[in-house]
Amino acid sequence: MDAGVPVLVNRCKDMRNFIERYSCGASVPKSVANAQDYLKQLALMEGNLLTFSRNARNVMETTASWEKMEIRLIELYGALFEQS
């Protein structure tokens, strides 16, 4: 399997939960982060980059791609339409 791009974000609960759930990256422990903060976190990720990259690719292909989101939205809108 080809590798993807690992996720690296600033502190945000939802994204941190996503990253932890799928083991696809890391979050900088700051709400407002600068380039230096991201570089430090990236250095800490170094030993896990390939794993994070593969997991990121996998989660996008199986769960979070636009194609998968489209299916979920159509199902959601269909359910809402049926309720009205």
Foldseek 3Di string as FASTA:
>chain_A
DDFAFADEEEDDVVVQVVCVVQVQHHYQDHPDDDPVSRVVRVVVCVVPGRVNRRSVVVCCVPPNPPVNVVVVVVVVVVVVVVVD
